[in-house]
Protein backbone atom coordinates (compact mmCIF):
# COMPACT_ATOMS: atom_id res chain seq x y z
CA MET A 1 0.00 0.00 0.00
CA THR A 2 1.05 3.58 -0.48
CA ASP A 3 1.63 5.73 2.59
CA GLN A 4 -1.63 7.54 1.96
CA ASN A 5 -3.54 4.26 1.73
CA ILE A 6 -2.03 3.15 5.03
CA ILE A 7 -3.06 6.43 6.65
CA ASN A 8 -6.58 6.15 5.26
CA LYS A 9 -6.93 2.56 6.48
CA TYR A 10 -5.58 2.86 10.00
CA LEU A 11 -5.98 6.48 11.10
CA ASN A 12 -8.69 9.02 11.61
CA LYS A 13 -8.84 11.47 8.70
CA LYS A 14 -8.46 14.39 11.09
CA ILE A 15 -5.02 13.22 12.28
CA ARG A 16 -2.11 15.19 10.86
CA THR A 17 0.82 12.95 9.98
CA GLU A 18 4.40 13.41 8.85
CA LYS A 19 6.69 10.91 7.13
CA SER A 20 10.20 10.30 8.43
CA ALA A 21 12.19 7.55 6.72
CA ASN A 22 10.03 4.42 7.19
CA LEU A 23 7.86 5.89 9.98
CA ILE A 24 4.51 7.64 9.74
CA LEU A 25 4.53 9.93 12.78
CA PHE A 26 1.67 11.77 14.41
CA GLN A 27 1.47 13.62 17.69
CA VAL A 28 -1.20 12.62 20.21
CA GLU A 29 -2.22 14.47 23.35
CA LYS A 30 -1.06 12.68 26.48
CA ASN A 31 -4.55 11.98 27.72
CA ALA A 32 -5.44 10.42 24.35
CA ILE A 33 -2.46 8.08 23.91
CA LEU A 34 -4.20 5.11 25.55
CA SER A 35 -7.25 5.30 23.29
CA GLN A 36 -5.00 5.71 20.23
CA CYS A 37 -2.87 2.68 21.14
CA LEU A 38 -5.96 0.61 21.91
CA GLU A 39 -7.38 1.56 18.53
CA LEU A 40 -4.25 0.41 16.72
CA SER A 41 -3.63 -2.75 18.76
CA ASN A 42 -7.17 -4.00 19.40
CA ASN A 43 -9.32 -2.62 16.63
CA GLN A 44 -6.72 -2.59 13.85
CA ASN A 45 -4.79 -5.67 15.10
CA LEU A 46 -1.41 -4.02 14.63
CA GLN A 47 1.69 -5.18 16.51
CA LEU A 48 3.18 -2.95 19.20
CA LYS A 49 6.87 -3.55 18.53
CA THR A 50 8.50 -1.21 21.05
CA ILE A 51 8.13 2.02 23.01
CA ASN A 52 11.04 4.46 23.05
CA ALA A 53 11.74 7.84 24.59
CA THR A 54 14.00 10.62 23.33
CA ASP A 55 15.47 13.64 25.09
CA GLU A 56 14.88 16.53 22.69
CA ARG A 57 14.94 19.33 25.25
CA SER A 58 17.81 21.21 23.60
CA GLU A 59 16.18 21.18 20.16
CA ASN A 60 12.43 20.96 20.77
CA GLY A 61 12.07 21.78 24.46
CA CYS A 62 10.62 18.41 25.41
CA PHE A 63 10.99 14.69 25.83
CA LYS A 64 9.07 12.51 23.39
CA ILE A 65 7.72 8.99 23.78
CA PHE A 66 7.13 6.97 20.61
CA TYR A 67 4.81 3.96 20.39
CA ILE A 68 5.96 1.93 17.37
CA PHE A 69 3.34 -0.21 15.64
CA GLY A 70 4.23 -2.60 12.83
CA ILE A 71 1.97 -3.24 9.86
CA PRO A 72 2.48 -6.83 8.65
CA GLY A 73 3.15 -6.90 4.93
CA GLU A 74 4.39 -3.33 4.88
CA ASN A 75 7.81 -1.84 5.58
CA VAL A 76 6.25 1.25 7.12
CA PHE A 77 5.58 1.71 10.83
CA LEU A 78 2.95 3.84 12.53
CA ALA A 79 4.32 5.90 15.40
CA PRO A 80 1.97 7.93 17.57
CA TYR A 81 4.00 9.99 20.02
CA ILE A 82 3.48 12.29 22.97
CA ARG A 83 5.46 15.34 24.06
CA ILE A 84 6.53 15.59 27.72
CA GLU A 85 7.17 19.18 28.74
CA LYS A 86 6.84 21.15 31.98
CA THR A 87 6.43 17.81 33.77
CA TYR A 88 8.16 14.46 34.18
CA GLU A 89 5.02 12.36 34.09
CA PHE A 90 3.07 10.54 31.41
CA PRO A 91 -0.01 8.26 31.53
CA SER A 92 0.69 4.55 31.69
CA ILE A 93 -1.05 2.32 29.14
CA THR A 94 0.06 -0.88 30.92
CA PRO A 95 -3.27 -1.54 32.72
CA PHE A 96 -4.84 -2.07 29.29
CA ILE A 97 -1.86 -3.09 27.11
CA HIS A 98 0.29 -5.28 29.33
CA GLN A 99 3.26 -5.60 26.99
CA ALA A 100 3.95 -1.89 27.54
CA SER A 101 4.91 -2.59 31.17
CA PHE A 102 8.66 -3.09 30.85
CA TYR A 103 9.09 -0.32 28.28
CA GLU A 104 7.41 2.19 30.60
CA LEU A 105 9.51 1.12 33.58
CA GLU A 106 12.64 1.39 31.47
CA ILE A 107 11.68 4.90 30.37
CA TYR A 108 11.35 5.88 34.04
CA THR A 109 14.67 4.29 34.97
CA PHE A 110 16.71 5.86 32.19
CA PHE A 111 14.86 9.12 31.44
CA GLY A 112 13.16 9.91 34.76
CA LEU A 113 9.71 10.08 33.16
CA LYS A 114 7.17 8.47 35.49
CA PRO A 115 4.32 6.32 34.08
CA ILE A 116 1.36 7.39 36.20
CA GLY A 117 -1.01 4.50 36.80
CA HIS A 118 1.53 1.72 36.23
CA PRO A 119 0.36 -1.19 38.45
CA LEU A 120 3.81 -2.38 39.58
CA PHE A 121 6.10 0.59 39.73
CA HIS A 122 9.85 0.11 40.29
CA PRO A 123 13.12 0.90 38.48
CA VAL A 124 14.68 -1.80 36.29
CA LEU A 125 18.13 -2.92 35.12
CA LEU A 126 20.31 -0.45 37.05
CA HIS A 127 22.21 -1.65 40.10
CA GLU A 128 20.74 -0.96 43.52
CA ASN A 129 23.50 1.52 44.36
CA TRP A 130 22.61 3.75 41.39
CA PRO A 131 21.29 7.16 42.53
CA SER A 132 17.53 7.40 42.08
CA ASP A 133 17.75 10.99 40.78
CA ILE A 134 20.29 10.40 37.98
CA PHE A 135 18.92 9.23 34.63
CA PRO A 136 21.64 8.05 32.25
CA LEU A 137 19.81 8.46 28.91
CA ARG A 138 19.19 12.14 29.45
CA LYS A 139 21.47 14.18 27.22
CA ASP A 140 22.94 16.10 30.15
CA PHE A 141 24.30 12.92 31.73
CA ALA A 142 27.98 12.35 30.89
CA TYR A 143 28.62 8.74 29.98
CA ASN A 144 32.16 8.81 31.42
CA LYS A 145 31.30 10.41 34.75
CA ARG A 146 31.01 8.05 37.70
CA PRO A 147 27.96 9.03 39.77
CA ARG A 148 27.95 9.00 43.54
CA GLU A 149 27.07 5.69 45.13
CA ALA A 150 23.64 5.57 46.72
CA LYS A 151 22.41 3.30 49.49
CA ASN A 152 18.99 2.33 48.21
CA PRO A 153 16.94 -0.32 50.00
CA PRO A 154 17.33 -3.81 48.50
CA TYR A 155 14.91 -4.97 45.85
CA GLU A 156 11.75 -6.40 47.38
CA PHE A 157 10.59 -9.62 45.79
CA GLN A 158 6.93 -10.57 45.72
CA ILE A 159 6.04 -12.56 48.84
CA VAL A 160 3.68 -15.50 48.47
CA LYS A 161 2.05 -16.50 51.76
CA GLY A 162 0.41 -19.76 52.66
CA GLU A 163 0.91 -22.95 54.58
CA GLY A 164 3.96 -24.85 53.38
CA ILE A 165 5.13 -22.13 50.98
CA TYR A 166 8.87 -21.52 50.98
CA GLU A 167 11.32 -19.66 48.76
CA ILE A 168 14.26 -20.88 46.71
CA PRO A 169 16.73 -18.22 45.53
CA VAL A 170 18.71 -19.20 42.42
CA GLY A 171 21.56 -17.11 41.04
CA PRO A 172 22.63 -14.60 39.98
CA VAL A 173 25.76 -16.74 39.54
CA HIS A 174 25.01 -20.06 37.88
CA ALA A 175 26.92 -23.23 37.08
CA GLY A 176 28.61 -23.49 33.70
CA ILE A 177 28.88 -20.53 31.34
CA ILE A 178 25.34 -19.16 31.67
CA GLU A 179 25.06 -15.39 32.13
CA PRO A 180 23.99 -13.98 35.52
CA GLY A 181 20.35 -13.59 36.47
CA HIS A 182 18.49 -14.07 39.75
CA PHE A 183 15.35 -16.20 40.07
CA ARG A 184 13.20 -16.22 43.17
CA PHE A 185 10.90 -19.27 43.38
CA SER A 186 7.96 -19.65 45.71
CA VAL A 187 7.15 -23.35 45.98
CA ALA A 188 4.83 -25.78 47.74
CA GLY A 189 6.74 -29.01 47.95
CA GLU A 190 8.32 -29.22 44.51
CA GLU A 191 5.50 -27.41 42.68
CA ILE A 192 6.28 -23.86 41.58
CA VAL A 193 3.66 -21.40 42.81
CA SER A 194 5.41 -18.24 41.62
CA LEU A 195 8.63 -17.19 39.91
CA GLU A 196 10.05 -13.67 39.85
CA PRO A 197 13.18 -13.05 37.76
CA MET A 198 15.55 -10.18 38.52
CA LEU A 199 17.85 -9.24 35.66
CA GLY A 200 20.21 -6.37 34.87
CA TYR A 201 23.48 -7.95 35.98
CA THR A 202 24.93 -7.65 32.46
CA HIS A 203 23.75 -4.09 31.82
CA LYS A 204 26.49 -2.39 29.78
CA GLY A 205 25.00 1.03 29.10
CA SER A 206 24.89 0.21 25.37
CA GLU A 207 22.22 2.74 24.42
CA LYS A 208 24.28 5.52 26.04
CA LEU A 209 27.40 4.32 24.24
CA PHE A 210 25.58 4.60 20.92
CA GLU A 211 25.41 8.36 21.56
CA VAL A 212 29.16 8.83 21.90
CA LEU A 213 30.98 6.20 19.84
CA SER A 214 32.29 6.93 16.37
CA PHE A 215 30.11 6.09 13.37
CA ASN A 216 32.05 2.89 12.64
CA ASP A 217 32.18 1.80 16.28
CA LYS A 218 28.41 2.08 16.60
CA LEU A 219 28.11 -0.77 14.11
CA LYS A 220 30.58 -2.85 16.13
CA LEU A 221 28.54 -2.16 19.27
CA SER A 222 25.37 -3.47 17.60
CA GLU A 223 27.20 -6.77 17.05
CA ARG A 224 27.76 -7.07 20.78
CA ILE A 225 24.28 -6.47 22.16
CA SER A 226 23.76 -10.23 22.23
CA GLY A 227 26.85 -12.10 21.11
CA ASP A 228 25.07 -15.17 19.74
CA THR A 229 23.04 -12.95 17.41
CA SER A 230 25.84 -10.64 16.24
CA PHE A 231 24.94 -10.71 12.58
CA THR A 232 21.18 -10.26 12.78
CA HIS A 233 21.44 -7.53 15.43
CA SER A 234 23.89 -5.58 13.29
CA LEU A 235 21.67 -6.18 10.26
CA ALA A 236 18.71 -4.48 11.97
CA TYR A 237 21.00 -1.58 12.86
CA CYS A 238 22.37 -1.32 9.31
CA GLN A 239 18.92 -1.39 7.76
CA ALA A 240 17.75 1.52 9.91
CA ILE A 241 20.86 3.54 9.04
CA GLU A 242 20.49 2.69 5.34
CA THR A 243 16.92 3.98 5.50
CA LEU A 244 18.07 7.23 7.13
CA GLY A 245 20.84 7.66 4.57
CA ASN A 246 18.90 6.51 1.50
CA THR A 247 21.75 4.03 0.99
CA PRO A 248 21.14 1.42 -1.71
CA VAL A 249 22.07 -2.22 -1.04
CA PRO A 250 23.18 -4.32 -4.05
CA SER A 251 21.08 -7.38 -4.85
CA ARG A 252 23.95 -9.79 -4.24
CA ALA A 253 24.50 -8.30 -0.78
CA LYS A 254 20.83 -8.84 0.09
CA TYR A 255 21.13 -12.55 -0.72
CA LEU A 256 24.38 -12.83 1.20
CA ARG A 257 22.72 -11.23 4.23
CA VAL A 258 20.05 -13.93 4.11
CA ILE A 259 22.68 -16.69 3.94
CA TYR A 260 24.69 -15.35 6.88
CA SER A 261 21.61 -14.69 9.00
CA GLU A 262 20.31 -18.22 8.40
CA LEU A 263 23.69 -19.73 9.26
CA GLU A 264 23.50 -17.88 12.57
CA ARG A 265 19.96 -19.18 13.14
CA LEU A 266 21.00 -22.71 12.20
CA ALA A 267 23.95 -22.80 14.60
CA ASN A 268 21.89 -21.59 17.55
CA HIS A 269 18.90 -23.85 16.95
CA LEU A 270 21.16 -26.90 16.69
CA ASN A 271 22.76 -25.94 19.99
CA ASP A 272 19.41 -25.39 21.71
CA ILE A 273 18.00 -28.67 20.46
CA GLY A 274 20.96 -30.46 21.99
CA PHE A 275 20.79 -28.66 25.32
CA ILE A 276 17.02 -29.13 25.67
CA ILE A 277 17.55 -32.87 25.28
CA ASN A 278 20.50 -32.73 27.66
CA ASP A 279 18.17 -31.33 30.33
CA THR A 280 16.03 -34.46 29.98
CA ALA A 281 19.17 -36.43 30.98
CA PHE A 282 19.45 -37.96 27.50
CA SER A 283 23.12 -37.28 26.85
CA PHE A 284 22.99 -38.46 23.24
CA GLY A 285 21.11 -35.32 22.20
CA GLY A 286 23.18 -33.13 24.48
CA SER A 287 26.40 -34.18 22.79
CA ASN A 288 25.18 -34.08 19.19
CA GLY A 289 23.53 -30.66 19.22
CA PRO A 290 26.69 -28.73 20.14
CA ARG A 291 28.70 -30.93 17.77
CA LEU A 292 26.50 -29.92 14.83
CA LYS A 293 26.57 -26.29 15.98
CA GLU A 294 30.37 -26.41 15.90
CA GLU A 295 30.29 -27.60 12.29
CA VAL A 296 28.11 -24.61 11.32
CA MET A 297 30.36 -22.18 13.18
CA GLN A 298 33.36 -23.59 11.36
CA LEU A 299 31.48 -22.89 8.12
CA CYS A 300 30.95 -19.29 9.27
CA GLU A 301 34.68 -18.97 9.94
CA MET A 302 35.52 -20.51 6.57
CA LEU A 303 33.24 -18.04 4.78
CA THR A 304 33.99 -14.85 6.72
CA GLY A 305 36.91 -15.38 9.09
CA SER A 306 34.57 -14.97 12.09
CA ARG A 307 32.75 -17.77 13.89
CA PHE A 308 30.17 -15.22 15.11
CA LEU A 309 29.93 -13.41 11.74
CA ARG A 310 31.32 -10.18 13.17
CA GLY A 311 32.67 -7.56 10.82
CA VAL A 312 30.51 -8.91 8.00
CA ASN A 313 27.69 -6.37 7.89
CA THR A 314 28.45 -2.85 6.76
CA ILE A 315 26.30 0.14 5.88
CA GLY A 316 25.27 -0.56 2.28
CA GLY A 317 25.83 -4.31 2.21
CA VAL A 318 28.40 -6.82 3.45
CA THR A 319 32.18 -7.06 3.56
CA LYS A 320 32.51 -10.79 2.79
CA ASP A 321 31.58 -12.46 -0.49
CA ILE A 322 31.09 -16.18 -1.13
CA PRO A 323 33.18 -17.20 -4.15
CA ASN A 324 32.09 -20.20 -6.19
CA GLU A 325 34.49 -22.72 -4.61
CA LYS A 326 33.22 -21.82 -1.11
CA LYS A 327 29.65 -21.92 -2.36
CA VAL A 328 30.12 -25.52 -3.51
CA ARG A 329 31.76 -26.46 -0.23
CA LEU A 330 28.96 -24.84 1.76
CA GLU A 331 26.25 -26.71 -0.15
CA GLU A 332 28.03 -30.04 0.32
CA LYS A 333 28.51 -29.46 4.03
CA LEU A 334 24.88 -28.45 4.56
CA ARG A 335 23.71 -31.66 2.88
CA LYS A 336 25.86 -33.68 5.28
CA ILE A 337 24.65 -31.68 8.31
CA ARG A 338 21.03 -32.22 7.29
CA LYS A 339 21.52 -35.97 6.91
CA ASP A 340 23.35 -36.17 10.24
CA PHE A 341 20.67 -34.09 11.94
CA GLU A 342 17.89 -36.31 10.60
CA ALA A 343 19.60 -39.33 12.13
CA VAL A 344 19.92 -37.58 15.50
CA ILE A 345 16.25 -36.55 15.54
CA GLU A 346 15.18 -40.07 14.61
CA VAL A 347 16.87 -41.39 17.76
CA ILE A 348 15.31 -38.62 19.89
CA ASP A 349 11.84 -39.24 18.45
CA ASP A 350 12.17 -42.89 19.40
CA SER A 351 12.90 -42.13 23.07
CA GLU A 352 9.70 -42.46 25.09
CA SER A 353 11.32 -40.93 28.19
CA VAL A 354 12.39 -37.81 26.28
CA GLN A 355 8.95 -37.32 24.80
CA ASN A 356 7.33 -37.70 28.22
CA ARG A 357 9.61 -35.02 29.70
CA LEU A 358 8.81 -32.57 26.89
CA LYS A 359 5.06 -32.98 26.50
CA GLY A 360 2.90 -30.88 28.80
CA THR A 361 5.91 -29.25 30.45
CA GLY A 362 6.18 -25.46 30.65
CA THR A 363 2.97 -24.69 28.78
CA LEU A 364 2.47 -21.04 27.90
CA GLY A 365 -1.13 -20.00 27.32
CA LYS A 366 -1.94 -18.32 24.02
CA GLN A 367 -3.67 -15.31 25.59
CA VAL A 368 -0.76 -14.82 28.00
CA ALA A 369 1.61 -14.82 25.02
CA ILE A 370 -0.54 -12.26 23.21
CA ASP A 371 -0.77 -10.03 26.30
CA HIS A 372 3.00 -10.06 26.76
CA GLY A 373 3.79 -9.55 23.07
CA VAL A 374 5.74 -12.82 22.88
CA VAL A 375 7.70 -13.26 19.64
CA GLY A 376 9.76 -15.84 17.77
CA VAL A 377 9.89 -19.55 18.59
CA ALA A 378 7.82 -19.14 21.76
CA ALA A 379 5.03 -17.43 19.80
CA ARG A 380 5.08 -19.85 16.87
CA ALA A 381 4.87 -22.77 19.34
CA ILE A 382 1.37 -21.50 20.22
CA GLY A 383 0.31 -20.92 16.63
CA LEU A 384 1.02 -17.18 16.51
CA MET A 385 2.35 -16.87 12.97
CA ASN A 386 4.61 -13.87 13.40
CA ASP A 387 7.95 -13.74 11.58
CA ALA A 388 9.69 -10.53 10.49
CA ARG A 389 11.10 -12.30 7.42
CA ILE A 390 7.53 -12.44 6.11
CA ASP A 391 5.72 -9.68 8.04
CA TYR A 392 8.34 -7.01 7.21
CA PRO A 393 10.26 -8.44 4.23
CA TYR A 394 13.92 -7.41 4.17
CA ALA A 395 17.14 -8.47 2.44
CA SER A 396 15.94 -10.95 -0.22
CA TYR A 397 13.53 -13.04 1.85
CA GLU A 398 10.54 -12.12 -0.29
CA ASN A 399 12.17 -14.02 -3.18
CA LEU A 400 12.84 -17.22 -1.23
CA GLU A 401 9.43 -18.56 -0.14
CA VAL A 402 10.03 -18.69 3.62
CA LYS A 403 7.85 -21.26 5.38
CA ILE A 404 6.85 -20.50 8.96
CA SER A 405 7.24 -23.46 11.31
CA HIS A 406 4.61 -23.65 14.02
CA GLN A 407 2.95 -25.81 16.68
CA THR A 408 -0.09 -25.17 18.87
CA ALA A 409 0.45 -26.78 22.30
CA GLY A 410 2.75 -24.05 23.66
CA ASP A 411 4.80 -26.46 25.79
CA VAL A 412 8.49 -27.44 25.74
CA HIS A 413 7.67 -30.15 23.19
CA ALA A 414 6.14 -27.56 20.85
CA ARG A 415 9.05 -25.14 21.19
CA PHE A 416 11.48 -28.03 20.61
CA TYR A 417 9.79 -29.13 17.39
CA VAL A 418 9.46 -25.59 16.06
CA ARG A 419 13.24 -25.40 16.35
CA ILE A 420 13.64 -28.72 14.54
CA SER A 421 11.47 -27.46 11.68
CA GLU A 422 13.41 -24.20 11.54
CA VAL A 423 16.68 -26.12 11.14
CA TYR A 424 15.32 -27.67 7.93
CA THR A 425 13.85 -24.33 6.84
CA SER A 426 17.16 -22.52 7.32
CA ILE A 427 19.04 -25.12 5.28
CA ASP A 428 16.42 -24.82 2.52
CA ILE A 429 16.60 -21.00 2.55
CA ILE A 430 20.41 -21.01 2.36
CA THR A 431 20.33 -23.49 -0.52
CA LYS A 432 17.76 -21.43 -2.44
CA ALA A 433 19.74 -18.22 -1.82
CA LEU A 434 22.95 -19.83 -3.06
CA ASN A 435 21.21 -21.04 -6.22
CA LYS A 436 19.70 -17.60 -6.88
CA LEU A 437 22.76 -15.60 -5.83
CA PRO A 438 23.12 -12.86 -8.45
CA GLN A 439 26.37 -11.43 -9.72
CA GLY A 440 27.49 -7.93 -8.81
CA ALA A 441 28.84 -5.80 -6.00
CA ILE A 442 28.48 -6.80 -2.35
CA ASN A 443 28.23 -3.27 -0.98
CA SER A 444 27.63 0.29 -2.08
CA LYS A 445 29.67 3.27 -1.05
CA SER A 446 28.03 5.00 1.89
CA THR A 447 28.69 8.68 2.52
CA ASN A 448 27.47 8.33 6.13
CA LYS A 449 25.23 11.36 5.51
CA LEU A 450 21.90 10.82 7.22
CA GLN A 451 18.65 12.75 7.12
CA LYS A 452 18.43 15.49 9.75
CA ASN A 453 15.91 15.38 12.59
CA ALA A 454 14.69 12.02 11.34
CA TYR A 455 13.46 8.73 12.79
CA ALA A 456 13.74 5.20 11.43
CA VAL A 457 13.17 1.58 12.43
CA GLY A 458 15.20 -1.48 11.47
CA ILE A 459 13.66 -4.91 12.03
CA THR A 460 15.03 -8.42 11.49
CA GLU A 461 14.09 -11.93 12.60
CA GLY A 462 16.76 -13.21 14.96
CA TRP A 463 16.79 -16.86 15.95
CA ARG A 464 14.91 -16.00 19.17
CA GLY A 465 12.43 -13.69 17.45
CA ASP A 466 12.31 -10.24 15.91
CA ILE A 467 14.88 -7.57 16.74
CA VAL A 468 13.92 -3.89 16.54
CA TYR A 469 16.20 -0.85 16.33
CA PHE A 470 14.73 2.65 16.73
CA ILE A 471 17.22 5.29 15.57
CA THR A 472 16.95 9.09 15.52
CA THR A 473 19.16 11.86 14.20
CA ASP A 474 19.69 15.44 15.36
CA ASN A 475 19.71 18.73 13.41
CA LYS A 476 23.23 17.94 12.16
CA GLY A 477 22.26 14.56 10.78
CA GLU A 478 24.21 12.73 13.48
CA ILE A 479 22.86 9.73 15.37
CA ALA A 480 21.18 11.01 18.53
CA ARG A 481 19.42 7.94 19.91
CA VAL A 482 19.55 4.18 19.33
CA GLY A 483 16.86 2.17 21.10
CA VAL A 484 17.36 -1.59 21.00
CA ARG A 485 14.64 -4.18 21.53
CA ASP A 486 15.96 -7.74 21.53
CA ALA A 487 13.44 -10.57 21.26
CA SER A 488 14.26 -11.49 24.85
CA ILE A 489 12.66 -8.30 26.18
CA PRO A 490 9.01 -9.25 25.58
CA ASN A 491 9.67 -12.97 26.10
CA TRP A 492 11.30 -12.85 29.55
CA SER A 493 8.07 -11.59 31.12
CA ALA A 494 6.25 -14.70 29.86
CA VAL A 495 8.63 -17.27 31.36
CA PRO A 496 7.16 -17.05 34.92
CA HIS A 497 3.74 -17.90 33.49
CA ALA A 498 5.12 -20.99 31.76
CA VAL A 499 6.69 -22.45 34.93
CA VAL A 500 3.78 -22.09 37.39
CA GLY A 501 2.38 -25.53 38.24
CA ASN A 502 5.52 -27.32 37.14
CA ILE A 503 8.08 -28.84 39.49
CA VAL A 504 11.39 -27.19 40.34
CA PRO A 505 13.54 -29.83 38.55
CA ASP A 506 11.77 -28.97 35.29
CA PHE A 507 12.73 -25.29 35.42
CA PRO A 508 16.09 -25.75 33.62
CA LEU A 509 14.28 -27.60 30.83
CA ILE A 510 11.59 -24.91 30.52
CA ASN A 511 14.11 -22.08 30.69
CA LYS A 512 16.27 -23.70 28.01
CA SER A 513 13.24 -24.15 25.74
CA PHE A 514 12.95 -20.34 25.68
CA ASN A 515 16.73 -19.78 25.91
CA LEU A 516 16.52 -16.02 26.23
CA SER A 517 19.45 -13.65 26.24
CA TYR A 518 20.44 -11.97 29.49
CA SER A 519 22.79 -9.63 27.64
CA GLY A 520 20.18 -8.80 24.99
CA PHE A 521 17.65 -7.97 27.70
CA ASP A 522 20.02 -6.01 29.91
CA ARG A 523 21.93 -4.24 27.12
């Protein structure tokens, strides 16, 4: 649809809009933002992808809060926004749109703008000794200045009362190489009554760093938001910048981006499949998943010199081509991996004990998933057919007939088999892309000149779910704000709902079936 058709379909004719890159913006009065968001999410069935604030006091005399709605099938996003001036408060929409909860709390923590009416108000992500009156994403906060240490009261976990109820604290330090995160269980016997996660231990101040790093280093930073998704995170960043700079991407580069992104997806799904089975105490699966992942990562290194595909994306394309001899080698290796994987899954399918552990464990209700805005594997395991490769076509996915893998039960078994299907889908997509790979350049020369006072969104489908970058520029055309929404952000809030009613020993299995990123959440 044209921009005007989109406006006519989704917005009141009286609303004045402005176009900025791939966003259709329109200002809404603060007291009307809830009704506007309800109209878009409930009546128009659009997806609320993220909520981001900006500090524009020096240029426009206000803060702004943007509510980004995606339109499946279109690469244009609707963005109602409110201005915050002469106050530090804004109305919360969380009581009616639950997935807004974390975004609003994050805006308070980092900008000092308080969501009035939020049902569970507390700061997030920052350490307890961080001063409550210093907000690091305000422009007047110096990134390299160490603030005074505050003595705030410790975080108060929810208390569940009742006969026989007791608490189990787990973390933040865990066995193995898992990242830090604290989990507070309330249990009756072995049955989990409540789970409250506390994250933020890997918070790196990434969104503040985006304000001060050089243009080239910003791209490197995007590769390190969540290390296991380096390529697809940086791809979302690059696509937003390319939109702001009207930078063309050669056709060959678009196909190469698909290949690299699917290799990243393939490696991680193979690893997860193995570790899920390992948590059922079936070591055969636990040993073969990581083995197959290693083979894919060696392919990534062979193709690009980087096991994690870092340094491959660039503004305007990619830096690494796939010459014909490597193309042949890649196709041969993928055929062998597929055959090997089929044999592994055949053994797993034949294990009655494994199937019993997976079925009915960690079930996430469909309405809960909708309320929390769950994305990716966890959503497709309930039959929610959301996938940015199809909903917001990018790179060359629209030419490759992507098939969405899905289940309906919403349990560990469903999430496990969605991953299995996606392994086959990724191999098929890579093979198709290699066969269709056009000749030509792999990148275009970028002048790094971006539109002034502009806003853009970049979206990609990471292996956990969609990744969203919200990027703004100032009146000099320099990057002023980079808001990052990893797939783990909406999905972490759903995990406690999936574990209630299960037993404590099943938590590692349930948690692994989501396998969310601590680093991607904490940023």
